[in-house]
Amino acid sequence: MASQDKMAVEILESIKETPYACSSLDRLSGGSANFTYRGTLLSALPSGEPTVVIKHTEPYVATMPSFALDAIRSVRI
């Protein structure tokens, strides 16, 4: 992992029992509202892809935690 940030550790823990379990996460630059990482998969996807992009939402802006932003914006409909 590029940096041992708490958010990345929590994400790794939350996906460890899924097909998207990762050995490491690297924070991607760009964007301001969400936390975005490239994850190196423990097992490649059926398509052969060895990595995934993970977009994680919190109820605040990633680059400015004091700015509240409803996480409902990222709910898949």
Protein backbone atom coordinates (compact mmCIF):
# COMPACT_ATOMS: atom_id res chain seq x y z
CA MET A 1 0.00 0.00 0.00
CA ALA A 2 1.40 3.38 -0.93
CA SER A 3 0.41 4.76 2.43
CA GLN A 4 -0.97 2.95 5.43
CA ASP A 5 -3.97 5.26 5.73
CA LYS A 6 -6.79 4.20 8.00
CA MET A 7 -9.40 4.41 5.24
CA ALA A 8 -7.47 1.97 3.02
CA VAL A 9 -7.09 -0.49 5.88
CA GLU A 10 -10.86 -0.33 6.53
CA ILE A 11 -11.64 -0.86 2.84
CA LEU A 12 -9.31 -3.86 2.62
CA GLU A 13 -11.05 -5.36 5.65
CA SER A 14 -14.54 -4.74 4.23
CA ILE A 15 -13.82 -6.50 0.91
CA LYS A 16 -11.65 -9.36 2.14
CA GLU A 17 -14.41 -11.98 1.76
CA THR A 18 -15.49 -10.87 -1.72
CA PRO A 19 -14.21 -11.58 -5.26
CA TYR A 20 -12.61 -8.12 -5.01
CA ALA A 21 -10.32 -8.92 -2.08
CA CYS A 22 -7.07 -7.03 -2.56
CA SER A 23 -3.53 -7.42 -1.33
CA SER A 24 -2.94 -3.68 -1.51
CA LEU A 25 -4.55 -0.35 -2.32
CA ASP A 26 -2.89 2.70 -3.87
CA ARG A 27 -4.66 6.05 -3.53
CA LEU A 28 -5.39 7.64 -6.90
CA SER A 29 -5.12 11.36 -7.47
CA GLY A 30 -7.87 13.52 -8.85
CA GLY A 31 -11.37 14.17 -7.68
CA SER A 32 -12.27 15.73 -4.39
CA ALA A 33 -15.51 14.24 -3.08
CA ASN A 34 -14.61 10.55 -2.84
CA PHE A 35 -11.70 8.32 -1.88
CA THR A 36 -10.45 6.45 -4.96
CA TYR A 37 -7.96 3.59 -4.95
CA ARG A 38 -6.46 1.07 -7.35
CA GLY A 39 -6.60 -2.35 -5.74
CA THR A 40 -4.35 -5.26 -6.61
CA LEU A 41 -6.59 -8.32 -6.51
CA LEU A 42 -5.62 -11.46 -4.61
CA SER A 43 -7.11 -13.44 -7.51
CA ALA A 44 -7.65 -12.04 -11.00
CA LEU A 45 -11.23 -11.56 -12.14
CA PRO A 46 -12.69 -14.08 -14.63
CA SER A 47 -11.85 -11.56 -17.37
CA GLY A 48 -8.20 -11.75 -16.32
CA GLU A 49 -8.06 -8.25 -14.84
CA PRO A 50 -5.50 -8.14 -12.02
CA THR A 51 -6.65 -4.81 -10.54
CA VAL A 52 -9.83 -2.88 -9.77
CA VAL A 53 -10.67 0.74 -9.07
CA ILE A 54 -12.46 1.26 -5.77
CA LYS A 55 -14.49 4.41 -5.15
CA HIS A 56 -15.34 4.88 -1.49
CA THR A 57 -17.77 7.46 -0.16
CA GLU A 58 -17.94 9.07 3.27
CA PRO A 59 -20.49 11.67 4.45
CA TYR A 60 -17.96 14.43 3.80
CA VAL A 61 -15.71 15.69 1.02
CA ALA A 62 -12.49 13.64 0.90
CA THR A 63 -10.29 16.69 0.41
CA MET A 64 -12.10 18.75 3.05
CA PRO A 65 -13.56 16.62 5.89
CA SER A 66 -15.22 19.64 7.50
CA PHE A 67 -17.52 19.94 4.42
CA ALA A 68 -20.47 17.58 4.89
CA LEU A 69 -21.78 15.85 1.79
CA ASP A 70 -24.57 13.28 1.92
CA ALA A 71 -23.31 9.80 1.02
CA ILE A 72 -26.66 9.04 -0.69
CA ARG A 73 -25.11 10.60 -3.81
CA SER A 74 -23.24 7.34 -4.38
CA VAL A 75 -26.09 4.90 -3.83
CA ARG A 76 -26.63 2.73 -6.85
CA ILE A 77 -30.23 2.72 -8.07
